N, C-alpha and C. Protein backbone atom coordinates (compact mmCIF):
# COMPACT_ATOMS: atom_id res chain seq x y z
N ARG A 1 139.58 110.42 117.29
CA ARG A 1 140.05 110.31 115.93
C ARG A 1 138.95 109.84 114.98
N MET A 2 138.23 108.85 115.42
CA MET A 2 137.19 108.30 114.56
C MET A 2 136.15 109.37 114.22
N HIS A 3 135.77 110.18 115.20
CA HIS A 3 134.77 111.22 114.95
C HIS A 3 135.31 112.28 114.00
N ARG A 4 136.60 112.61 114.12
CA ARG A 4 137.19 113.58 113.18
C ARG A 4 137.19 113.02 111.76
N ALA A 5 137.52 111.74 111.63
CA ALA A 5 137.53 111.11 110.30
C ALA A 5 136.12 111.10 109.71
N LEU A 6 135.14 110.80 110.54
CA LEU A 6 133.75 110.81 110.08
C LEU A 6 133.35 112.20 109.60
N LYS A 7 133.70 113.22 110.37
CA LYS A 7 133.34 114.58 109.99
C LYS A 7 134.07 115.03 108.73
N SER A 8 135.28 114.52 108.51
CA SER A 8 135.99 114.91 107.30
C SER A 8 135.31 114.33 106.05
N ARG A 9 134.65 113.18 106.21
CA ARG A 9 133.93 112.57 105.08
C ARG A 9 132.50 113.05 104.98
N SER A 10 132.01 113.65 106.03
CA SER A 10 130.64 114.17 106.07
C SER A 10 130.66 115.57 106.66
N PRO A 11 131.10 116.56 105.88
CA PRO A 11 131.22 117.92 106.42
C PRO A 11 129.90 118.50 106.94
N ASP A 12 128.77 117.97 106.46
CA ASP A 12 127.48 118.46 106.91
C ASP A 12 127.00 117.79 108.18
N LEU A 13 127.80 116.90 108.75
CA LEU A 13 127.42 116.17 109.96
C LEU A 13 127.31 117.11 111.14
N SER A 14 126.20 117.08 111.81
CA SER A 14 125.95 117.95 112.95
C SER A 14 126.32 117.23 114.25
N ASP A 15 126.74 117.99 115.25
CA ASP A 15 127.04 117.41 116.57
C ASP A 15 125.77 117.20 117.39
N THR A 16 124.63 117.51 116.80
CA THR A 16 123.35 117.34 117.51
C THR A 16 123.12 115.86 117.78
N ARG A 17 122.84 115.55 119.04
CA ARG A 17 122.52 114.18 119.42
C ARG A 17 121.02 114.15 119.69
N ASP A 18 120.26 113.74 118.68
CA ASP A 18 118.82 113.86 118.82
C ASP A 18 118.04 112.60 118.46
N SER A 19 118.72 111.49 118.22
CA SER A 19 117.97 110.31 117.80
C SER A 19 118.02 109.20 118.84
N THR A 20 117.00 108.37 118.77
CA THR A 20 116.92 107.16 119.58
C THR A 20 117.07 106.00 118.60
N VAL A 21 118.22 105.34 118.65
CA VAL A 21 118.50 104.24 117.73
C VAL A 21 118.10 102.93 118.40
N ILE A 22 117.25 102.17 117.71
CA ILE A 22 116.83 100.87 118.22
C ILE A 22 117.32 99.82 117.24
N ILE A 23 118.13 98.90 117.73
CA ILE A 23 118.72 97.88 116.88
C ILE A 23 117.76 96.71 116.74
N GLN A 24 117.50 96.34 115.50
CA GLN A 24 116.63 95.20 115.20
C GLN A 24 117.49 94.10 114.59
N ARG A 25 117.67 93.04 115.33
CA ARG A 25 118.46 91.91 114.84
C ARG A 25 117.62 91.07 113.89
N SER A 26 118.25 90.62 112.80
CA SER A 26 117.53 89.79 111.83
C SER A 26 117.71 88.30 112.11
N ARG A 27 118.69 87.97 112.91
CA ARG A 27 118.93 86.55 113.20
C ARG A 27 117.88 86.01 114.16
N LYS A 28 117.80 84.71 114.21
CA LYS A 28 116.81 84.09 115.09
C LYS A 28 117.22 84.14 116.55
N THR A 29 118.51 84.26 116.82
CA THR A 29 118.95 84.32 118.21
C THR A 29 119.02 85.77 118.68
N ARG A 30 118.53 85.99 119.87
CA ARG A 30 118.57 87.28 120.56
C ARG A 30 117.88 88.41 119.80
N ASN A 31 116.92 88.07 118.97
CA ASN A 31 116.13 89.16 118.37
C ASN A 31 114.90 89.39 119.25
N LEU A 32 114.43 90.61 119.29
CA LEU A 32 113.29 90.93 120.13
C LEU A 32 112.00 90.60 119.41
N HIS A 33 111.25 89.68 119.97
CA HIS A 33 109.98 89.29 119.38
C HIS A 33 108.93 90.39 119.55
N ASN A 34 109.19 91.33 120.46
CA ASN A 34 108.26 92.46 120.63
C ASN A 34 108.91 93.78 120.20
N HIS A 35 109.77 93.70 119.19
CA HIS A 35 110.45 94.89 118.69
C HIS A 35 109.44 95.96 118.25
N ALA A 36 108.46 95.59 117.46
CA ALA A 36 107.47 96.55 116.97
C ALA A 36 106.70 97.19 118.14
N GLN A 37 106.39 96.40 119.14
CA GLN A 37 105.69 96.92 120.33
C GLN A 37 106.57 97.92 121.06
N LEU A 38 107.86 97.64 121.17
CA LEU A 38 108.81 98.53 121.83
C LEU A 38 108.88 99.87 121.09
N VAL A 39 109.05 99.81 119.78
CA VAL A 39 109.13 101.03 118.97
C VAL A 39 107.84 101.84 119.11
N ALA A 40 106.70 101.18 118.97
CA ALA A 40 105.41 101.87 119.06
C ALA A 40 105.21 102.51 120.44
N ALA A 41 105.60 101.81 121.49
CA ALA A 41 105.44 102.34 122.85
C ALA A 41 106.30 103.58 123.06
N ILE A 42 107.52 103.56 122.55
CA ILE A 42 108.40 104.73 122.67
C ILE A 42 107.81 105.90 121.90
N GLN A 43 107.35 105.66 120.69
CA GLN A 43 106.78 106.73 119.87
C GLN A 43 105.50 107.29 120.48
N GLN A 44 104.70 106.42 121.10
CA GLN A 44 103.46 106.88 121.72
C GLN A 44 103.74 107.69 122.99
N ARG A 45 104.63 107.18 123.85
CA ARG A 45 104.92 107.85 125.12
C ARG A 45 105.74 109.12 124.91
N TYR A 46 106.67 109.08 123.96
CA TYR A 46 107.56 110.20 123.71
C TYR A 46 107.49 110.60 122.23
N PRO A 47 106.42 111.25 121.82
CA PRO A 47 106.26 111.58 120.40
C PRO A 47 107.37 112.50 119.88
N GLN A 48 108.08 113.16 120.77
CA GLN A 48 109.18 114.02 120.35
C GLN A 48 110.48 113.25 120.07
N ALA A 49 110.50 111.97 120.39
CA ALA A 49 111.70 111.16 120.16
C ALA A 49 111.86 110.87 118.67
N LYS A 50 113.05 111.07 118.18
CA LYS A 50 113.34 110.78 116.78
C LYS A 50 113.86 109.34 116.73
N VAL A 51 112.98 108.39 116.45
CA VAL A 51 113.34 106.97 116.48
C VAL A 51 113.90 106.56 115.11
N GLN A 52 115.07 105.92 115.16
CA GLN A 52 115.66 105.34 113.97
C GLN A 52 115.91 103.87 114.25
N VAL A 53 115.46 103.02 113.36
CA VAL A 53 115.65 101.57 113.52
C VAL A 53 116.85 101.15 112.69
N PHE A 54 117.83 100.57 113.36
CA PHE A 54 119.01 100.04 112.70
C PHE A 54 118.72 98.58 112.36
N LYS A 55 118.75 98.26 111.07
CA LYS A 55 118.52 96.88 110.63
C LYS A 55 119.82 96.34 110.04
N ASP A 56 120.12 95.09 110.36
CA ASP A 56 121.39 94.51 109.90
C ASP A 56 121.25 93.68 108.62
N ASN A 57 120.03 93.61 108.06
CA ASN A 57 119.84 92.83 106.85
C ASN A 57 118.88 93.58 105.93
N PRO A 58 119.36 94.06 104.81
CA PRO A 58 120.72 93.91 104.27
C PRO A 58 121.69 94.79 105.05
N PRO A 59 122.98 94.45 105.01
CA PRO A 59 123.96 95.25 105.73
C PRO A 59 123.95 96.69 105.21
N PRO A 60 123.85 97.66 106.13
CA PRO A 60 123.79 99.06 105.70
C PRO A 60 125.17 99.58 105.29
N ASN A 61 125.15 100.68 104.57
CA ASN A 61 126.36 101.39 104.19
C ASN A 61 127.06 101.88 105.46
N ILE A 62 128.37 101.72 105.56
CA ILE A 62 129.09 102.07 106.77
C ILE A 62 128.97 103.54 107.11
N LEU A 63 128.95 104.40 106.11
CA LEU A 63 128.80 105.83 106.38
C LEU A 63 127.41 106.13 106.97
N GLU A 64 126.38 105.45 106.48
CA GLU A 64 125.03 105.62 107.03
C GLU A 64 124.98 105.14 108.48
N VAL A 65 125.65 104.03 108.75
CA VAL A 65 125.71 103.51 110.13
C VAL A 65 126.40 104.53 111.03
N ALA A 66 127.54 105.05 110.56
CA ALA A 66 128.29 106.01 111.36
C ALA A 66 127.45 107.26 111.65
N ARG A 67 126.74 107.75 110.64
CA ARG A 67 125.89 108.93 110.84
C ARG A 67 124.78 108.64 111.85
N MET A 68 124.16 107.47 111.73
CA MET A 68 123.06 107.12 112.62
C MET A 68 123.53 107.07 114.07
N PHE A 69 124.62 106.37 114.32
CA PHE A 69 125.08 106.22 115.70
C PHE A 69 125.73 107.48 116.24
N TYR A 70 126.34 108.29 115.36
CA TYR A 70 126.94 109.55 115.79
C TYR A 70 125.87 110.50 116.33
N SER A 71 124.68 110.46 115.75
CA SER A 71 123.60 111.34 116.17
C SER A 71 122.77 110.75 117.32
N ALA A 72 123.16 109.58 117.82
CA ALA A 72 122.35 108.90 118.84
C ALA A 72 122.46 109.57 120.20
N ARG A 73 121.31 109.85 120.74
CA ARG A 73 121.20 110.27 122.14
C ARG A 73 121.00 109.02 122.99
N VAL A 74 120.26 108.06 122.40
CA VAL A 74 119.94 106.80 123.08
C VAL A 74 120.15 105.66 122.10
N ILE A 75 120.71 104.55 122.59
CA ILE A 75 120.85 103.32 121.81
C ILE A 75 120.18 102.21 122.62
N ILE A 76 119.23 101.51 121.99
CA ILE A 76 118.50 100.42 122.65
C ILE A 76 118.69 99.18 121.79
N ALA A 77 119.11 98.07 122.43
CA ALA A 77 119.38 96.87 121.64
C ALA A 77 119.40 95.62 122.51
N PRO A 78 119.03 94.49 121.89
CA PRO A 78 119.28 93.22 122.57
C PRO A 78 120.77 92.97 122.57
N HIS A 79 121.24 92.19 123.51
CA HIS A 79 122.66 91.85 123.57
C HIS A 79 123.09 91.26 122.23
N GLY A 80 124.16 91.81 121.67
CA GLY A 80 124.67 91.30 120.41
C GLY A 80 125.66 92.28 119.79
N ALA A 81 126.28 91.83 118.72
CA ALA A 81 127.35 92.58 118.08
C ALA A 81 126.94 93.97 117.62
N GLY A 82 125.67 94.18 117.31
CA GLY A 82 125.22 95.50 116.88
C GLY A 82 125.51 96.59 117.89
N LEU A 83 125.59 96.22 119.16
CA LEU A 83 125.90 97.20 120.19
C LEU A 83 127.32 97.74 120.07
N SER A 84 128.18 97.05 119.35
CA SER A 84 129.55 97.56 119.19
C SER A 84 129.55 98.87 118.39
N ASN A 85 128.46 99.16 117.69
CA ASN A 85 128.35 100.43 116.96
C ASN A 85 128.33 101.63 117.90
N MET A 86 128.19 101.40 119.20
CA MET A 86 128.21 102.52 120.14
C MET A 86 129.54 103.26 120.11
N VAL A 87 130.60 102.64 119.57
CA VAL A 87 131.88 103.34 119.46
C VAL A 87 131.77 104.55 118.53
N LEU A 88 130.74 104.58 117.69
CA LEU A 88 130.52 105.68 116.77
C LEU A 88 129.73 106.82 117.41
N ALA A 89 129.10 106.56 118.55
CA ALA A 89 128.28 107.56 119.22
C ALA A 89 129.17 108.58 119.92
N GLN A 90 128.61 109.77 120.10
CA GLN A 90 129.30 110.78 120.86
C GLN A 90 129.22 110.42 122.35
N GLN A 91 130.16 110.94 123.11
CA GLN A 91 130.21 110.65 124.55
C GLN A 91 128.92 111.09 125.23
N SER A 92 128.53 110.38 126.23
CA SER A 92 127.35 110.63 127.06
C SER A 92 126.05 110.11 126.44
N ALA A 93 126.13 109.27 125.42
CA ALA A 93 124.92 108.62 124.93
C ALA A 93 124.41 107.69 126.02
N THR A 94 123.12 107.42 126.00
CA THR A 94 122.53 106.46 126.93
C THR A 94 122.37 105.14 126.18
N VAL A 95 122.91 104.07 126.75
CA VAL A 95 122.85 102.74 126.15
C VAL A 95 121.96 101.87 127.02
N ILE A 96 120.93 101.28 126.40
CA ILE A 96 120.04 100.35 127.11
C ILE A 96 120.16 99.01 126.41
N GLU A 97 120.72 98.06 127.13
CA GLU A 97 120.94 96.71 126.58
C GLU A 97 119.90 95.76 127.16
N ILE A 98 119.23 95.02 126.29
CA ILE A 98 118.29 93.99 126.74
C ILE A 98 119.14 92.73 126.97
N LEU A 99 119.20 92.31 128.20
CA LEU A 99 120.11 91.24 128.63
C LEU A 99 119.47 89.86 128.61
N ILE A 100 120.34 88.87 128.51
CA ILE A 100 119.95 87.47 128.70
C ILE A 100 120.85 86.90 129.78
N LYS A 101 120.46 85.76 130.30
CA LYS A 101 121.27 85.08 131.31
C LYS A 101 122.00 83.93 130.67
N PRO A 102 123.23 83.66 131.00
CA PRO A 102 124.07 84.42 131.94
C PRO A 102 124.49 85.75 131.32
N VAL A 103 124.66 86.74 132.18
CA VAL A 103 125.00 88.09 131.74
C VAL A 103 126.46 88.13 131.28
N VAL A 104 126.65 88.72 130.13
CA VAL A 104 127.99 89.00 129.61
C VAL A 104 128.14 90.51 129.66
N THR A 105 129.19 91.01 130.30
CA THR A 105 129.30 92.44 130.58
C THR A 105 130.11 93.24 129.56
N CYS A 106 130.44 92.65 128.41
CA CYS A 106 131.33 93.34 127.47
C CYS A 106 130.77 94.68 127.01
N PHE A 107 129.47 94.78 126.76
CA PHE A 107 128.92 96.04 126.27
C PHE A 107 128.72 97.05 127.40
N MET A 108 128.49 96.57 128.60
CA MET A 108 128.46 97.45 129.76
C MET A 108 129.84 98.07 129.94
N ASP A 109 130.86 97.23 129.88
CA ASP A 109 132.23 97.71 130.03
C ASP A 109 132.59 98.71 128.93
N LEU A 110 132.22 98.40 127.69
CA LEU A 110 132.52 99.28 126.57
C LEU A 110 131.80 100.63 126.73
N ALA A 111 130.53 100.59 127.09
CA ALA A 111 129.76 101.83 127.27
C ALA A 111 130.42 102.72 128.32
N ARG A 112 130.78 102.14 129.42
CA ARG A 112 131.40 102.93 130.50
C ARG A 112 132.77 103.45 130.09
N GLU A 113 133.54 102.64 129.39
CA GLU A 113 134.86 103.08 128.91
C GLU A 113 134.74 104.26 127.95
N LEU A 114 133.67 104.28 127.17
CA LEU A 114 133.44 105.36 126.21
C LEU A 114 132.81 106.60 126.84
N GLY A 115 132.46 106.52 128.12
CA GLY A 115 131.83 107.65 128.79
C GLY A 115 130.34 107.75 128.57
N ASN A 116 129.72 106.62 128.27
CA ASN A 116 128.27 106.58 128.05
C ASN A 116 127.55 106.09 129.29
N GLU A 117 126.30 106.46 129.41
CA GLU A 117 125.46 105.99 130.51
C GLU A 117 124.90 104.62 130.10
N TYR A 118 125.04 103.63 130.96
CA TYR A 118 124.63 102.26 130.62
C TYR A 118 123.52 101.79 131.55
N HIS A 119 122.54 101.09 130.95
CA HIS A 119 121.48 100.43 131.72
C HIS A 119 121.26 99.05 131.12
N GLY A 120 121.24 98.04 131.95
CA GLY A 120 120.91 96.69 131.51
C GLY A 120 119.50 96.36 131.96
N VAL A 121 118.71 95.86 131.03
CA VAL A 121 117.32 95.48 131.32
C VAL A 121 117.17 94.02 130.94
N PHE A 122 116.72 93.21 131.87
CA PHE A 122 116.57 91.79 131.56
C PHE A 122 115.37 91.55 130.67
N GLY A 123 115.61 90.84 129.58
CA GLY A 123 114.52 90.32 128.77
C GLY A 123 114.07 89.04 129.46
N ASN A 124 113.17 88.33 128.88
CA ASN A 124 112.68 87.11 129.53
C ASN A 124 113.31 85.84 128.96
N ALA A 125 114.30 85.97 128.07
CA ALA A 125 114.91 84.79 127.45
C ALA A 125 115.69 83.99 128.49
N THR A 126 115.56 82.70 128.40
CA THR A 126 116.28 81.81 129.31
C THR A 126 117.55 81.25 128.69
N SER A 127 117.74 81.50 127.40
CA SER A 127 118.96 81.08 126.70
C SER A 127 119.11 81.94 125.45
N GLN A 128 120.25 81.81 124.78
CA GLN A 128 120.49 82.61 123.59
C GLN A 128 119.57 82.23 122.42
N THR A 129 119.01 81.04 122.47
CA THR A 129 118.15 80.60 121.36
C THR A 129 116.67 80.72 121.68
N ALA A 130 116.33 81.05 122.92
CA ALA A 130 114.92 81.17 123.30
C ALA A 130 114.34 82.49 122.79
N PRO A 131 113.03 82.54 122.53
CA PRO A 131 112.40 83.80 122.13
C PRO A 131 112.67 84.87 123.19
N MET A 132 112.95 86.08 122.74
CA MET A 132 113.33 87.16 123.66
C MET A 132 112.33 88.31 123.55
N TYR A 133 111.88 88.78 124.69
CA TYR A 133 110.97 89.91 124.77
C TYR A 133 111.57 90.96 125.69
N ALA A 134 111.56 92.21 125.24
CA ALA A 134 112.04 93.31 126.08
C ALA A 134 110.97 93.66 127.11
N ASN A 135 111.41 94.12 128.28
CA ASN A 135 110.49 94.64 129.28
C ASN A 135 110.20 96.09 128.87
N VAL A 136 109.15 96.30 128.10
CA VAL A 136 108.84 97.61 127.53
C VAL A 136 108.63 98.65 128.62
N THR A 137 107.94 98.28 129.68
CA THR A 137 107.67 99.21 130.78
C THR A 137 108.97 99.72 131.39
N GLU A 138 109.91 98.83 131.61
CA GLU A 138 111.19 99.23 132.20
C GLU A 138 111.99 100.13 131.26
N VAL A 139 111.97 99.83 129.98
CA VAL A 139 112.67 100.69 129.01
C VAL A 139 112.05 102.07 129.00
N LEU A 140 110.73 102.15 128.99
CA LEU A 140 110.06 103.46 129.00
C LEU A 140 110.40 104.25 130.25
N GLU A 141 110.49 103.58 131.39
CA GLU A 141 110.85 104.26 132.64
C GLU A 141 112.27 104.82 132.57
N LEU A 142 113.18 104.09 131.93
CA LEU A 142 114.55 104.59 131.79
C LEU A 142 114.61 105.81 130.87
N LEU A 143 113.70 105.90 129.92
CA LEU A 143 113.68 107.03 128.99
C LEU A 143 113.02 108.28 129.57
N THR A 144 112.21 108.12 130.61
CA THR A 144 111.47 109.25 131.17
C THR A 144 112.36 110.43 131.52
N PRO A 145 113.47 110.26 132.24
CA PRO A 145 114.29 111.45 132.56
C PRO A 145 114.87 112.14 131.32
N LEU A 146 115.03 111.40 130.24
CA LEU A 146 115.60 111.98 129.02
C LEU A 146 114.59 112.77 128.21
N PHE A 147 113.34 112.33 128.22
CA PHE A 147 112.34 112.93 127.33
C PHE A 147 111.19 113.64 128.04
N ALA A 148 111.09 113.53 129.34
CA ALA A 148 109.93 114.08 130.05
C ALA A 148 109.70 115.55 129.76
N ASN A 149 110.76 116.35 129.72
CA ASN A 149 110.59 117.79 129.51
C ASN A 149 111.13 118.25 128.17
N ASP A 150 111.38 117.32 127.27
CA ASP A 150 111.99 117.64 125.97
C ASP A 150 110.92 117.74 124.90
N THR A 151 110.80 118.90 124.31
CA THR A 151 109.84 119.09 123.22
C THR A 151 110.55 119.50 121.94
N SER A 152 111.88 119.35 121.92
CA SER A 152 112.66 119.86 120.79
C SER A 152 112.75 118.90 119.61
N GLN A 153 112.37 117.64 119.80
CA GLN A 153 112.54 116.66 118.74
C GLN A 153 111.23 116.38 118.03
N SER A 154 111.33 115.97 116.79
CA SER A 154 110.13 115.59 116.06
C SER A 154 110.14 114.10 115.81
N ALA A 155 108.98 113.50 115.73
CA ALA A 155 108.87 112.06 115.56
C ALA A 155 109.19 111.66 114.11
N VAL A 156 110.09 110.72 113.97
CA VAL A 156 110.49 110.20 112.65
C VAL A 156 110.79 108.73 112.81
N THR A 157 110.36 107.92 111.86
CA THR A 157 110.72 106.51 111.86
C THR A 157 111.49 106.22 110.58
N VAL A 158 112.64 105.55 110.74
CA VAL A 158 113.45 105.20 109.57
C VAL A 158 113.46 103.70 109.44
């Protein structure tokens, strides 16, 4: 239903799933201190990936958010509320969550319930308030099967 409602408000919306959405948290907790390194590494390794950065400050227009996540082939994010936007993605999106300990499985459960492929990658944070760094190598390895033979996308940063 949600996708039909979105399409009724955006008749030009394509069913093409061609973007890699990376969520950048603006808060001090659970934000990736190596976010720029992660984005750069993905763009360098997979120049065909269409990378879109979702920023929560200032809060984006809801229709823009819906369009961004609807076109997502991949969603990469630190654990946090921004991952709930995966409900806007089409089925079979790949979700990569950067985890902290103790692990909370709500987004893993949501991804699977929605029919999405889920991968949890441990960051190095020891608590919700500690600086968090994504394991860039592990994220790149998870993206390899998706982009290794794909030359259909063009590189874009938003």
